[in-house]
Amino acid sequence: RFTISRDMAKNTVYLHMNSLKPEDTAVYYCAARR
């Protein structure tokens, strides 16, 4: 249902969420690992 992707040139990461359910309700956090 979800797809993660990144645009290296823009230094941007995306999370595409499809077929969302009420159980997906939450605060979503982005994190980075060196």
Full PDB file with SEQRES, HELIX, SHEET, SSBOND, CRYST1, ORIGX, SCALE, CONECT and MASTER records, all heavy atoms in Angstrom:
SEQRES   1 A   34  ARG PHE THR ILE SER ARG ASP MET ALA LYS ASN THR VAL          
SEQRES   2 A   34  TYR LEU HIS MET ASN SER LEU LYS PRO GLU ASP THR ALA          
SEQRES   3 A   34  VAL TYR TYR CYS ALA ALA ARG ARG                              
HELIX    1 AA1 PRO A   22  ASP A   24  5                                   3    
SHEET    1 AA1 2 PHE A   2  ASP A   7  0                                        
SHEET    2 AA1 2 THR A  12  MET A  17 -1                                        
CRYST1    1.000    1.000    1.000  90.00  90.00  90.00 P 1           1          
ORIGX1      1.000000  0.000000  0.000000        0.00000                         
ORIGX2      0.000000  1.000000  0.000000        0.00000                         
ORIGX3      0.000000  0.000000  1.000000        0.00000                         
SCALE1      1.000000  0.000000  0.000000        0.00000                         
SCALE2      0.000000  1.000000  0.000000        0.00000                         
SCALE3      0.000000  0.000000  1.000000        0.00000                         
ATOM      1  N   ARG A   1       0.814  -1.213   0.000  1.00  0.00           N  
ATOM      2  CA  ARG A   1       0.000   0.000   0.000  1.00  0.00           C  
ATOM      3  C   ARG A   1       0.852   1.270   0.000  1.00  0.00           C  
ATOM      4  O   ARG A   1       0.458   2.266  -0.602  1.00  0.00           O  
ATOM      5  CB  ARG A   1      -0.933   0.033   1.212  1.00  0.00           C  
ATOM      6  CG  ARG A   1      -1.932  -1.110   1.246  1.00  0.00           C  
ATOM      7  CD  ARG A   1      -2.963  -0.898   2.351  1.00  0.00           C  
ATOM      8  NE  ARG A   1      -2.347  -0.869   3.676  1.00  0.00           N  
ATOM      9  CZ  ARG A   1      -2.392   0.174   4.504  1.00  0.00           C  
ATOM     10  NH1 ARG A   1      -3.030   1.278   4.144  1.00  0.00           N  
ATOM     11  NH2 ARG A   1      -1.820   0.105   5.700  1.00  0.00           N  
ATOM     12  N   PHE A   2       1.991   1.235   0.677  1.00  0.00           N  
ATOM     13  CA  PHE A   2       2.859   2.401   0.789  1.00  0.00           C  
ATOM     14  C   PHE A   2       4.105   2.205  -0.063  1.00  0.00           C  
ATOM     15  O   PHE A   2       4.594   1.080  -0.223  1.00  0.00           O  
ATOM     16  CB  PHE A   2       3.294   2.633   2.236  1.00  0.00           C  
ATOM     17  CG  PHE A   2       2.209   3.089   3.171  1.00  0.00           C  
ATOM     18  CD1 PHE A   2       0.873   3.098   2.796  1.00  0.00           C  
ATOM     19  CD2 PHE A   2       2.535   3.508   4.450  1.00  0.00           C  
ATOM     20  CE1 PHE A   2      -0.122   3.513   3.654  1.00  0.00           C  
ATOM     21  CE2 PHE A   2       1.555   3.929   5.325  1.00  0.00           C  
ATOM     22  CZ  PHE A   2       0.224   3.935   4.937  1.00  0.00           C  
ATOM     23  N   THR A   3       4.646   3.306  -0.567  1.00  0.00           N  
ATOM     24  CA  THR A   3       5.873   3.284  -1.348  1.00  0.00           C  
ATOM     25  C   THR A   3       6.778   4.421  -0.903  1.00  0.00           C  
ATOM     26  O   THR A   3       6.350   5.576  -0.861  1.00  0.00           O  
ATOM     27  CB  THR A   3       5.594   3.414  -2.852  1.00  0.00           C  
ATOM     28  OG1 THR A   3       4.745   2.347  -3.282  1.00  0.00           O  
ATOM     29  CG2 THR A   3       6.899   3.343  -3.639  1.00  0.00           C  
ATOM     30  N   ILE A   4       8.025   4.101  -0.575  1.00  0.00           N  
ATOM     31  CA  ILE A   4       9.001   5.118  -0.220  1.00  0.00           C  
ATOM     32  C   ILE A   4       9.907   5.367  -1.419  1.00  0.00           C  
ATOM     33  O   ILE A   4      10.285   4.434  -2.130  1.00  0.00           O  
ATOM     34  CB  ILE A   4       9.820   4.706   1.020  1.00  0.00           C  
ATOM     35  CG1 ILE A   4      10.724   5.852   1.481  1.00  0.00           C  
ATOM     36  CG2 ILE A   4      10.623   3.445   0.770  1.00  0.00           C  
ATOM     37  CD1 ILE A   4      11.404   5.595   2.824  1.00  0.00           C  
ATOM     38  N   SER A   5      10.246   6.627  -1.650  1.00  0.00           N  
ATOM     39  CA  SER A   5      11.125   6.993  -2.749  1.00  0.00           C  
ATOM     40  C   SER A   5      11.915   8.232  -2.357  1.00  0.00           C  
ATOM     41  O   SER A   5      11.604   8.890  -1.362  1.00  0.00           O  
ATOM     42  CB  SER A   5      10.333   7.239  -4.038  1.00  0.00           C  
ATOM     43  OG  SER A   5       9.432   8.319  -3.876  1.00  0.00           O  
ATOM     44  N   ARG A   6      12.933   8.554  -3.140  1.00  0.00           N  
ATOM     45  CA  ARG A   6      13.731   9.742  -2.848  1.00  0.00           C  
ATOM     46  C   ARG A   6      14.195  10.409  -4.132  1.00  0.00           C  
ATOM     47  O   ARG A   6      14.457   9.746  -5.141  1.00  0.00           O  
ATOM     48  CB  ARG A   6      14.919   9.407  -1.942  1.00  0.00           C  
ATOM     49  CG  ARG A   6      16.004   8.564  -2.578  1.00  0.00           C  
ATOM     50  CD  ARG A   6      16.976   8.022  -1.536  1.00  0.00           C  
ATOM     51  NE  ARG A   6      17.603   9.075  -0.754  1.00  0.00           N  
ATOM     52  CZ  ARG A   6      18.371   8.864   0.312  1.00  0.00           C  
ATOM     53  NH1 ARG A   6      18.582   7.621   0.744  1.00  0.00           N  
ATOM     54  NH2 ARG A   6      18.910   9.887   0.967  1.00  0.00           N  
ATOM     55  N   ASP A   7      14.299  11.718  -4.073  1.00  0.00           N  
ATOM     56  CA  ASP A   7      14.818  12.533  -5.154  1.00  0.00           C  
ATOM     57  C   ASP A   7      16.157  13.060  -4.682  1.00  0.00           C  
ATOM     58  O   ASP A   7      16.217  13.974  -3.857  1.00  0.00           O  
ATOM     59  CB  ASP A   7      13.849  13.667  -5.491  1.00  0.00           C  
ATOM     60  CG  ASP A   7      14.274  14.459  -6.711  1.00  0.00           C  
ATOM     61  OD1 ASP A   7      15.481  14.583  -6.964  1.00  0.00           O  
ATOM     62  OD2 ASP A   7      13.385  14.959  -7.420  1.00  0.00           O  
ATOM     63  N   MET A   8      17.246  12.489  -5.180  1.00  0.00           N  
ATOM     64  CA  MET A   8      18.581  12.849  -4.718  1.00  0.00           C  
ATOM     65  C   MET A   8      18.906  14.313  -5.001  1.00  0.00           C  
ATOM     66  O   MET A   8      19.518  14.985  -4.180  1.00  0.00           O  
ATOM     67  CB  MET A   8      19.626  11.950  -5.380  1.00  0.00           C  
ATOM     68  CG  MET A   8      19.561  10.496  -4.964  1.00  0.00           C  
ATOM     69  SD  MET A   8      20.029  10.283  -3.222  1.00  0.00           S  
ATOM     70  CE  MET A   8      20.169   8.488  -3.157  1.00  0.00           C  
ATOM     71  N   ALA A   9      18.508  14.804  -6.167  1.00  0.00           N  
ATOM     72  CA  ALA A   9      18.818  16.175  -6.542  1.00  0.00           C  
ATOM     73  C   ALA A   9      18.142  17.183  -5.620  1.00  0.00           C  
ATOM     74  O   ALA A   9      18.692  18.252  -5.353  1.00  0.00           O  
ATOM     75  CB  ALA A   9      18.415  16.429  -7.993  1.00  0.00           C  
ATOM     76  N   LYS A  10      16.946  16.855  -5.126  1.00  0.00           N  
ATOM     77  CA  LYS A  10      16.195  17.761  -4.265  1.00  0.00           C  
ATOM     78  C   LYS A  10      16.363  17.467  -2.785  1.00  0.00           C  
ATOM     79  O   LYS A  10      15.803  18.190  -1.954  1.00  0.00           O  
ATOM     80  CB  LYS A  10      14.713  17.717  -4.625  1.00  0.00           C  
ATOM     81  CG  LYS A  10      14.398  18.198  -6.031  1.00  0.00           C  
ATOM     82  CD  LYS A  10      12.909  18.154  -6.297  1.00  0.00           C  
ATOM     83  CE  LYS A  10      12.582  18.670  -7.687  1.00  0.00           C  
ATOM     84  NZ  LYS A  10      11.121  18.619  -7.954  1.00  0.00           N  
ATOM     85  N   ASN A  11      17.111  16.424  -2.449  1.00  0.00           N  
ATOM     86  CA  ASN A  11      17.270  16.006  -1.053  1.00  0.00           C  
ATOM     87  C   ASN A  11      15.910  15.844  -0.373  1.00  0.00           C  
ATOM     88  O   ASN A  11      15.688  16.319   0.747  1.00  0.00           O  
ATOM     89  CB  ASN A  11      18.134  16.997  -0.278  1.00  0.00           C  
ATOM     90  CG  ASN A  11      19.584  16.960  -0.697  1.00  0.00           C  
ATOM     91  OD1 ASN A  11      20.067  15.952  -1.227  1.00  0.00           O  
ATOM     92  ND2 ASN A  11      20.295  18.048  -0.459  1.00  0.00           N  
ATOM     93  N   THR A  12      15.020  15.168  -1.054  1.00  0.00           N  
ATOM     94  CA  THR A  12      13.664  14.989  -0.571  1.00  0.00           C  
ATOM     95  C   THR A  12      13.280  13.513  -0.620  1.00  0.00           C  
ATOM     96  O   THR A  12      13.579  12.823  -1.599  1.00  0.00           O  
ATOM     97  CB  THR A  12      12.665  15.808  -1.398  1.00  0.00           C  
ATOM     98  OG1 THR A  12      13.029  17.196  -1.337  1.00  0.00           O  
ATOM     99  CG2 THR A  12      11.250  15.646  -0.867  1.00  0.00           C  
ATOM    100  N   VAL A  13      12.622  13.052   0.436  1.00  0.00           N  
ATOM    101  CA  VAL A  13      12.131  11.684   0.532  1.00  0.00           C  
ATOM    102  C   VAL A  13      10.611  11.723   0.583  1.00  0.00           C  
ATOM    103  O   VAL A  13      10.031  12.602   1.234  1.00  0.00           O  
ATOM    104  CB  VAL A  13      12.695  10.972   1.771  1.00  0.00           C  
ATOM    105  CG1 VAL A  13      12.215   9.529   1.831  1.00  0.00           C  
ATOM    106  CG2 VAL A  13      14.212  11.011   1.757  1.00  0.00           C  
ATOM    107  N   TYR A  14       9.977  10.774  -0.078  1.00  0.00           N  
ATOM    108  CA  TYR A  14       8.528  10.737  -0.154  1.00  0.00           C  
ATOM    109  C   TYR A  14       7.993   9.433   0.412  1.00  0.00           C  
ATOM    110  O   TYR A  14       8.655   8.397   0.375  1.00  0.00           O  
ATOM    111  CB  TYR A  14       8.050  10.873  -1.605  1.00  0.00           C  
ATOM    112  CG  TYR A  14       8.546  12.107  -2.304  1.00  0.00           C  
ATOM    113  CD1 TYR A  14       9.657  12.045  -3.138  1.00  0.00           C  
ATOM    114  CD2 TYR A  14       7.911  13.329  -2.130  1.00  0.00           C  
ATOM    115  CE1 TYR A  14      10.120  13.177  -3.782  1.00  0.00           C  
ATOM    116  CE2 TYR A  14       8.366  14.465  -2.767  1.00  0.00           C  
ATOM    117  CZ  TYR A  14       9.466  14.381  -3.596  1.00  0.00           C  
ATOM    118  OH  TYR A  14       9.922  15.505  -4.238  1.00  0.00           O  
ATOM    119  N   LEU A  15       6.780   9.497   0.913  1.00  0.00           N  
ATOM    120  CA  LEU A  15       6.037   8.312   1.293  1.00  0.00           C  
ATOM    121  C   LEU A  15       4.678   8.394   0.615  1.00  0.00           C  
ATOM    122  O   LEU A  15       3.842   9.221   0.990  1.00  0.00           O  
ATOM    123  CB  LEU A  15       5.876   8.204   2.811  1.00  0.00           C  
ATOM    124  CG  LEU A  15       5.195   6.924   3.302  1.00  0.00           C  
ATOM    125  CD1 LEU A  15       6.085   5.710   3.027  1.00  0.00           C  
ATOM    126  CD2 LEU A  15       4.857   7.011   4.784  1.00  0.00           C  
ATOM    127  N   HIS A  16       4.487   7.557  -0.400  1.00  0.00           N  
ATOM    128  CA  HIS A  16       3.214   7.491  -1.109  1.00  0.00           C  
ATOM    129  C   HIS A  16       2.333   6.470  -0.412  1.00  0.00           C  
ATOM    130  O   HIS A  16       2.690   5.297  -0.314  1.00  0.00           O  
ATOM    131  CB  HIS A  16       3.434   7.097  -2.564  1.00  0.00           C  
ATOM    132  CG  HIS A  16       4.307   8.047  -3.334  1.00  0.00           C  
ATOM    133  ND1 HIS A  16       3.799   9.029  -4.147  1.00  0.00           N  
ATOM    134  CD2 HIS A  16       5.653   8.155  -3.402  1.00  0.00           C  
ATOM    135  CE1 HIS A  16       4.787   9.703  -4.691  1.00  0.00           C  
ATOM    136  NE2 HIS A  16       5.926   9.199  -4.248  1.00  0.00           N  
ATOM    137  N   MET A  17       1.178   6.906   0.052  1.00  0.00           N  
ATOM    138  CA  MET A  17       0.276   6.068   0.815  1.00  0.00           C  
ATOM    139  C   MET A  17      -1.012   5.879   0.035  1.00  0.00           C  
ATOM    140  O   MET A  17      -1.702   6.851  -0.270  1.00  0.00           O  
ATOM    141  CB  MET A  17      -0.008   6.679   2.185  1.00  0.00           C  
ATOM    142  CG  MET A  17       1.251   6.958   2.997  1.00  0.00           C  
ATOM    143  SD  MET A  17       0.893   7.615   4.653  1.00  0.00           S  
ATOM    144  CE  MET A  17       0.200   9.210   4.201  1.00  0.00           C  
ATOM    145  N   ASN A  18      -1.320   4.642  -0.280  1.00  0.00           N  
ATOM    146  CA  ASN A  18      -2.532   4.299  -1.012  1.00  0.00           C  
ATOM    147  C   ASN A  18      -3.444   3.441  -0.141  1.00  0.00           C  
ATOM    148  O   ASN A  18      -3.006   2.821   0.825  1.00  0.00           O  
ATOM    149  CB  ASN A  18      -2.194   3.547  -2.297  1.00  0.00           C  
ATOM    150  CG  ASN A  18      -1.361   4.349  -3.262  1.00  0.00           C  
ATOM    151  OD1 ASN A  18      -1.612   5.539  -3.458  1.00  0.00           O  
ATOM    152  ND2 ASN A  18      -0.373   3.710  -3.877  1.00  0.00           N  
ATOM    153  N   SER A  19      -4.718   3.404  -0.514  1.00  0.00           N  
ATOM    154  CA  SER A  19      -5.702   2.581   0.196  1.00  0.00           C  
ATOM    155  C   SER A  19      -5.624   2.796   1.700  1.00  0.00           C  
ATOM    156  O   SER A  19      -5.558   1.847   2.483  1.00  0.00           O  
ATOM    157  CB  SER A  19      -5.495   1.104  -0.151  1.00  0.00           C  
ATOM    158  OG  SER A  19      -5.615   0.882  -1.542  1.00  0.00           O  
ATOM    159  N   LEU A  20      -5.658   4.027   2.107  1.00  0.00           N  
ATOM    160  CA  LEU A  20      -5.492   4.366   3.518  1.00  0.00           C  
ATOM    161  C   LEU A  20      -6.632   3.817   4.359  1.00  0.00           C  
ATOM    162  O   LEU A  20      -7.788   3.782   3.933  1.00  0.00           O  
ATOM    163  CB  LEU A  20      -5.394   5.877   3.691  1.00  0.00           C  
ATOM    164  CG  LEU A  20      -4.028   6.464   3.316  1.00  0.00           C  
ATOM    165  CD1 LEU A  20      -4.131   7.962   3.127  1.00  0.00           C  
ATOM    166  CD2 LEU A  20      -2.994   6.123   4.382  1.00  0.00           C  
ATOM    167  N   LYS A  21      -6.283   3.400   5.562  1.00  0.00           N  
ATOM    168  CA  LYS A  21      -7.218   2.842   6.523  1.00  0.00           C  
ATOM    169  C   LYS A  21      -7.235   3.700   7.783  1.00  0.00           C  
ATOM    170  O   LYS A  21      -6.262   4.383   8.081  1.00  0.00           O  
ATOM    171  CB  LYS A  21      -6.819   1.414   6.892  1.00  0.00           C  
ATOM    172  CG  LYS A  21      -6.639   0.473   5.715  1.00  0.00           C  
ATOM    173  CD  LYS A  21      -6.106  -0.875   6.186  1.00  0.00           C  
ATOM    174  CE  LYS A  21      -5.894  -1.817   5.031  1.00  0.00           C  
ATOM    175  NZ  LYS A  21      -5.353  -3.127   5.481  1.00  0.00           N  
ATOM    176  N   PRO A  22      -8.327   3.662   8.546  1.00  0.00           N  
ATOM    177  CA  PRO A  22      -8.335   4.397   9.816  1.00  0.00           C  
ATOM    178  C   PRO A  22      -7.176   4.021  10.734  1.00  0.00           C  
ATOM    179  O   PRO A  22      -6.691   4.876  11.481  1.00  0.00           O  
ATOM    180  CB  PRO A  22      -9.687   4.007  10.430  1.00  0.00           C  
ATOM    181  CG  PRO A  22     -10.560   3.743   9.253  1.00  0.00           C  
ATOM    182  CD  PRO A  22      -9.653   3.088   8.239  1.00  0.00           C  
ATOM    183  N   GLU A  23      -6.703   2.787  10.665  1.00  0.00           N  
ATOM    184  CA  GLU A  23      -5.580   2.348  11.489  1.00  0.00           C  
ATOM    185  C   GLU A  23      -4.263   3.006  11.098  1.00  0.00           C  
ATOM    186  O   GLU A  23      -3.291   2.909  11.844  1.00  0.00           O  
ATOM    187  CB  GLU A  23      -5.435   0.826  11.420  1.00  0.00           C  
ATOM    188  CG  GLU A  23      -6.602   0.077  12.035  1.00  0.00           C  
ATOM    189  CD  GLU A  23      -6.444  -1.424  11.986  1.00  0.00           C  
ATOM    190  OE1 GLU A  23      -5.528  -1.903  11.278  1.00  0.00           O  
ATOM    191  OE2 GLU A  23      -7.223  -2.131  12.657  1.00  0.00           O  
ATOM    192  N   ASP A  24      -4.227   3.662   9.938  1.00  0.00           N  
ATOM    193  CA  ASP A  24      -3.035   4.391   9.528  1.00  0.00           C  
ATOM    194  C   ASP A  24      -2.937   5.763  10.194  1.00  0.00           C  
ATOM    195  O   ASP A  24      -1.923   6.445  10.030  1.00  0.00           O  
ATOM    196  CB  ASP A  24      -3.010   4.572   8.012  1.00  0.00           C  
ATOM    197  CG  ASP A  24      -2.886   3.257   7.266  1.00  0.00           C  
ATOM    198  OD1 ASP A  24      -2.092   2.402   7.702  1.00  0.00           O  
ATOM    199  OD2 ASP A  24      -3.580   3.095   6.245  1.00  0.00           O  
ATOM    200  N   THR A  25      -3.965   6.177  10.905  1.00  0.00           N  
ATOM    201  CA  THR A  25      -3.959   7.471  11.571  1.00  0.00           C  
ATOM    202  C   THR A  25      -2.828   7.545  12.586  1.00  0.00           C  
ATOM    203  O   THR A  25      -2.721   6.705  13.478  1.00  0.00           O  
ATOM    204  CB  THR A  25      -5.304   7.727  12.259  1.00  0.00           C  
ATOM    205  OG1 THR A  25      -6.338   7.805  11.273  1.00  0.00           O  
ATOM    206  CG2 THR A  25      -5.271   9.027  13.044  1.00  0.00           C  
ATOM    207  N   ALA A  26      -1.974   8.555  12.442  1.00  0.00           N  
ATOM    208  CA  ALA A  26      -0.809   8.703  13.314  1.00  0.00           C  
ATOM    209  C   ALA A  26      -0.062   9.964  12.928  1.00  0.00           C  
ATOM    210  O   ALA A  26      -0.335  10.586  11.895  1.00  0.00           O  
ATOM    211  CB  ALA A  26       0.122   7.492  13.194  1.00  0.00           C  
ATOM    212  N   VAL A  27       0.888  10.337  13.762  1.00  0.00           N  
ATOM    213  CA  VAL A  27       1.879  11.329  13.385  1.00  0.00           C  
ATOM    214  C   VAL A  27       3.011  10.597  12.687  1.00  0.00           C  
ATOM    215  O   VAL A  27       3.559   9.639  13.230  1.00  0.00           O  
ATOM    216  CB  VAL A  27       2.406  12.109  14.601  1.00  0.00           C  
ATOM    217  CG1 VAL A  27       3.502  13.080  14.177  1.00  0.00           C  
ATOM    218  CG2 VAL A  27       1.275  12.864  15.283  1.00  0.00           C  
ATOM    219  N   TYR A  28       3.355  11.032  11.498  1.00  0.00           N  
ATOM    220  CA  TYR A  28       4.391  10.392  10.706  1.00  0.00           C  
ATOM    221  C   TYR A  28       5.673  11.198  10.792  1.00  0.00           C  
ATOM    222  O   TYR A  28       5.677  12.415  10.586  1.00  0.00           O  
ATOM    223  CB  TYR A  28       3.939  10.256   9.250  1.00  0.00           C  
ATOM    224  CG  TYR A  28       2.953   9.133   9.044  1.00  0.00           C  
ATOM    225  CD1 TYR A  28       1.655   9.236   9.510  1.00  0.00           C  
ATOM    226  CD2 TYR A  28       3.333   7.955   8.404  1.00  0.00           C  
ATOM    227  CE1 TYR A  28       0.753   8.201   9.352  1.00  0.00           C  
ATOM    228  CE2 TYR A  28       2.436   6.916   8.231  1.00  0.00           C  
ATOM    229  CZ  TYR A  28       1.150   7.039   8.706  1.00  0.00           C  
ATOM    230  OH  TYR A  28       0.260   6.005   8.538  1.00  0.00           O  
ATOM    231  N   TYR A  29       6.767  10.499  11.091  1.00  0.00           N  
ATOM    232  CA  TYR A  29       8.069  11.126  11.277  1.00  0.00           C  
ATOM    233  C   TYR A  29       9.056  10.660  10.224  1.00  0.00           C  
ATOM    234  O   TYR A  29       9.116   9.475   9.893  1.00  0.00           O  
ATOM    235  CB  TYR A  29       8.639  10.788  12.657  1.00  0.00           C  
ATOM    236  CG  TYR A  29       7.835  11.307  13.816  1.00  0.00           C  
ATOM    237  CD1 TYR A  29       6.862  10.518  14.419  1.00  0.00           C  
ATOM    238  CD2 TYR A  29       8.056  12.587  14.316  1.00  0.00           C  
ATOM    239  CE1 TYR A  29       6.123  10.989  15.484  1.00  0.00           C  
ATOM    240  CE2 TYR A  29       7.326  13.062  15.380  1.00  0.00           C  
ATOM    241  CZ  TYR A  29       6.362  12.260  15.964  1.00  0.00           C  
ATOM    242  OH  TYR A  29       5.640  12.729  17.025  1.00  0.00           O  
ATOM    243  N   CYS A  30       9.847  11.576   9.746  1.00  0.00           N  
ATOM    244  CA  CYS A  30      10.967  11.281   8.868  1.00  0.00           C  
ATOM    245  C   CYS A  30      12.231  11.149   9.713  1.00  0.00           C  
ATOM    246  O   CYS A  30      12.428  11.914  10.661  1.00  0.00           O  
ATOM    247  CB  CYS A  30      11.126  12.403   7.833  1.00  0.00           C  
ATOM    248  SG  CYS A  30      12.509  12.216   6.698  1.00  0.00           S  
ATOM    249  N   ALA A  31      13.084  10.187   9.385  1.00  0.00           N  
ATOM    250  CA  ALA A  31      14.317   9.960  10.121  1.00  0.00           C  
ATOM    251  C   ALA A  31      15.455   9.672   9.158  1.00  0.00           C  
ATOM    252  O   ALA A  31      15.238   9.150   8.060  1.00  0.00           O  
ATOM    253  CB  ALA A  31      14.152   8.793  11.100  1.00  0.00           C  
ATOM    254  N   ALA A  32      16.685   9.998   9.582  1.00  0.00           N  
ATOM    255  CA  ALA A  32      17.867   9.805   8.754  1.00  0.00           C  
ATOM    256  C   ALA A  32      18.945   9.078   9.535  1.00  0.00           C  
ATOM    257  O   ALA A  32      19.123   9.320  10.729  1.00  0.00           O  
ATOM    258  CB  ALA A  32      18.399  11.151   8.252  1.00  0.00           C  
ATOM    259  N   ARG A  33      19.660   8.203   8.852  1.00  0.00           N  
ATOM    260  CA  ARG A  33      20.769   7.453   9.427  1.00  0.00           C  
ATOM    261  C   ARG A  33      22.021   7.740   8.625  1.00  0.00           C  
ATOM    262  O   ARG A  33      22.012   7.588   7.398  1.00  0.00           O  
ATOM    263  CB  ARG A  33      20.451   5.960   9.434  1.00  0.00           C  
ATOM    264  CG  ARG A  33      21.473   5.085  10.141  1.00  0.00           C  
ATOM    265  CD  ARG A  33      20.950   3.659  10.279  1.00  0.00           C  
ATOM    266  NE  ARG A  33      21.832   2.828  11.070  1.00  0.00           N  
ATOM    267  CZ  ARG A  33      22.761   2.030  10.559  1.00  0.00           C  
ATOM    268  NH1 ARG A  33      22.931   1.957   9.235  1.00  0.00           N  
ATOM    269  NH2 ARG A  33      23.520   1.309  11.362  1.00  0.00           N  
ATOM    270  N   ARG A  34      23.087   8.140   9.285  1.00  0.00           N  
ATOM    271  CA  ARG A  34      24.309   8.533   8.580  1.00  0.00           C  
ATOM    272  C   ARG A  34      24.912   7.398   7.775  1.00  0.00           C  
ATOM    273  O   ARG A  34      25.412   7.630   6.668  1.00  0.00           O  
ATOM    274  CB  ARG A  34      25.346   9.074   9.562  1.00  0.00           C  
ATOM    275  CG  ARG A  34      24.990  10.427  10.161  1.00  0.00           C  
ATOM    276  CD  ARG A  34      26.171  11.011  10.908  1.00  0.00           C  
ATOM    277  NE  ARG A  34      26.547  10.190  12.057  1.00  0.00           N  
ATOM    278  CZ  ARG A  34      26.082  10.347  13.274  1.00  0.00           C  
ATOM    279  NH1 ARG A  34      25.202  11.322  13.524  1.00  0.00           N  
ATOM    280  NH2 ARG A  34      26.479   9.561  14.256  1.00  0.00           N  
TER     281      ARG A  34                                                      
MASTER        0    0    0    1    2    0    0    6  280    1    0    3          
END                                                                             
